[in-house]
Amino acid sequence: MENKLDKILKKILKVKNLKNLNTKNCKNWDSIAQMTIIMQIEENFKIQFTDKDIYNLNSIEKIKKFLKKKVKN
């Protein structure tokens, strides 16, 4: 799961290192990137996000934690 997610995030955000990345410290992580990330995760992991989820998932850590709860390997 993490490998797939890492590939999605690196491609969308155009970064090599995801450690501690969030909306505040990544210039490429704007609102369009956020929606692209959400759509790609929904498509690849077959899950749905609520509006609240989308707003709160503003870091790599939060996204990974959320997916671990939602996705059954």
C-alpha atoms as a PDB file:
ATOM      1  CA  MET A   1       0.000   0.000   0.000  1.00  0.00           C
ATOM      2  CA  GLU A   2       2.698   2.511   0.968  1.00  0.00           C
ATOM      3  CA  ASN A   3       4.686   1.941  -2.222  1.00  0.00           C
ATOM      4  CA  LYS A   4       1.650   2.681  -4.350  1.00  0.00           C
ATOM      5  CA  LEU A   5       0.810   5.769  -2.298  1.00  0.00           C
ATOM      6  CA  ASP A   6       4.411   7.016  -2.392  1.00  0.00           C
ATOM      7  CA  LYS A   7       4.455   6.766  -6.195  1.00  0.00           C
ATOM      8  CA  ILE A   8       1.192   8.702  -6.451  1.00  0.00           C
ATOM      9  CA  LEU A   9       2.379  11.463  -4.131  1.00  0.00           C
ATOM     10  CA  LYS A  10       5.845  11.797  -5.663  1.00  0.00           C
ATOM     11  CA  LYS A  11       4.380  12.056  -9.148  1.00  0.00           C
ATOM     12  CA  ILE A  12       1.733  14.645  -8.260  1.00  0.00           C
ATOM     13  CA  LEU A  13       3.892  16.756  -5.958  1.00  0.00           C
ATOM     14  CA  LYS A  14       7.037  16.385  -8.097  1.00  0.00           C
ATOM     15  CA  VAL A  15       9.258  15.521  -5.130  1.00  0.00           C
ATOM     16  CA  LYS A  16      11.711  12.744  -4.354  1.00  0.00           C
ATOM     17  CA  ASN A  17      11.507  12.753  -0.557  1.00  0.00           C
ATOM     18  CA  LEU A  18       8.140  12.538   1.212  1.00  0.00           C
ATOM     19  CA  LYS A  19       9.455  12.686   4.778  1.00  0.00           C
ATOM     20  CA  ASN A  20       7.524  15.220   6.876  1.00  0.00           C
ATOM     21  CA  LEU A  21       5.897  16.698   3.777  1.00  0.00           C
ATOM     22  CA  ASN A  22       2.735  18.755   4.230  1.00  0.00           C
ATOM     23  CA  THR A  23       0.760  21.553   2.613  1.00  0.00           C
ATOM     24  CA  LYS A  24       2.788  24.193   4.457  1.00  0.00           C
ATOM     25  CA  ASN A  25       6.270  23.075   3.409  1.00  0.00           C
ATOM     26  CA  CYS A  26       5.642  21.883  -0.164  1.00  0.00           C
ATOM     27  CA  LYS A  27       5.157  24.622  -2.745  1.00  0.00           C
ATOM     28  CA  ASN A  28       3.616  22.163  -5.227  1.00  0.00           C
ATOM     29  CA  TRP A  29       0.925  21.039  -2.755  1.00  0.00           C
ATOM     30  CA  ASP A  30      -1.785  23.533  -3.594  1.00  0.00           C
ATOM     31  CA  SER A  31      -5.564  23.032  -3.792  1.00  0.00           C
ATOM     32  CA  ILE A  32      -5.363  21.492  -7.262  1.00  0.00           C
ATOM     33  CA  ALA A  33      -2.667  19.058  -6.145  1.00  0.00           C
ATOM     34  CA  GLN A  34      -4.770  18.207  -3.075  1.00  0.00           C
ATOM     35  CA  MET A  35      -7.781  17.297  -5.209  1.00  0.00           C
ATOM     36  CA  THR A  36      -5.593  15.336  -7.627  1.00  0.00           C
ATOM     37  CA  ILE A  37      -4.108  13.392  -4.710  1.00  0.00           C
ATOM     38  CA  ILE A  38      -7.578  12.645  -3.343  1.00  0.00           C
ATOM     39  CA  MET A  39      -8.906  11.505  -6.724  1.00  0.00           C
ATOM     40  CA  GLN A  40      -5.902   9.263  -7.347  1.00  0.00           C
ATOM     41  CA  ILE A  41      -6.137   7.686  -3.898  1.00  0.00           C
ATOM     42  CA  GLU A  42      -9.883   7.100  -4.315  1.00  0.00           C
ATOM     43  CA  GLU A  43      -9.312   5.481  -7.699  1.00  0.00           C
ATOM     44  CA  ASN A  44      -6.305   3.366  -6.723  1.00  0.00           C
ATOM     45  CA  PHE A  45      -7.507   2.241  -3.292  1.00  0.00           C
ATOM     46  CA  LYS A  46     -11.265   2.095  -4.009  1.00  0.00           C
ATOM     47  CA  ILE A  47     -12.252   4.335  -1.105  1.00  0.00           C
ATOM     48  CA  GLN A  48     -14.254   7.545  -0.740  1.00  0.00           C
ATOM     49  CA  PHE A  49     -13.354  10.654   1.220  1.00  0.00           C
ATOM     50  CA  THR A  50     -15.723  13.022   2.984  1.00  0.00           C
ATOM     51  CA  ASP A  51     -15.258  16.782   2.685  1.00  0.00           C
ATOM     52  CA  LYS A  52     -13.926  16.787   6.247  1.00  0.00           C
ATOM     53  CA  ASP A  53     -11.381  14.074   5.354  1.00  0.00           C
ATOM     54  CA  ILE A  54     -10.166  16.070   2.361  1.00  0.00           C
ATOM     55  CA  TYR A  55      -9.677  19.184   4.477  1.00  0.00           C
ATOM     56  CA  ASN A  56      -7.893  17.341   7.298  1.00  0.00           C
ATOM     57  CA  LEU A  57      -5.535  15.244   5.165  1.00  0.00           C
ATOM     58  CA  ASN A  58      -2.896  17.922   4.777  1.00  0.00           C
ATOM     59  CA  SER A  59       0.271  15.906   5.389  1.00  0.00           C
ATOM     60  CA  ILE A  60       1.872  12.667   4.292  1.00  0.00           C
ATOM     61  CA  GLU A  61       1.618  11.327   7.849  1.00  0.00           C
ATOM     62  CA  LYS A  62      -2.125  12.002   8.058  1.00  0.00           C
ATOM     63  CA  ILE A  63      -2.794  10.455   4.649  1.00  0.00           C
ATOM     64  CA  LYS A  64      -0.868   7.277   5.512  1.00  0.00           C
ATOM     65  CA  LYS A  65      -2.547   6.974   8.908  1.00  0.00           C
ATOM     66  CA  PHE A  66      -5.977   7.450   7.316  1.00  0.00           C
ATOM     67  CA  LEU A  67      -5.309   4.842   4.618  1.00  0.00           C
ATOM     68  CA  LYS A  68      -4.097   2.270   7.132  1.00  0.00           C
ATOM     69  CA  LYS A  69      -7.468   2.531   8.854  1.00  0.00           C
ATOM     70  CA  LYS A  70      -9.524   2.430   5.649  1.00  0.00           C
ATOM     71  CA  VAL A  71      -7.709   0.007   3.355  1.00  0.00           C
ATOM     72  CA  LYS A  72      -7.727  -3.702   4.006  1.00  0.00           C
ATOM     73  CA  ASN A  73      -4.667  -5.333   2.413  1.00  0.00           C
END
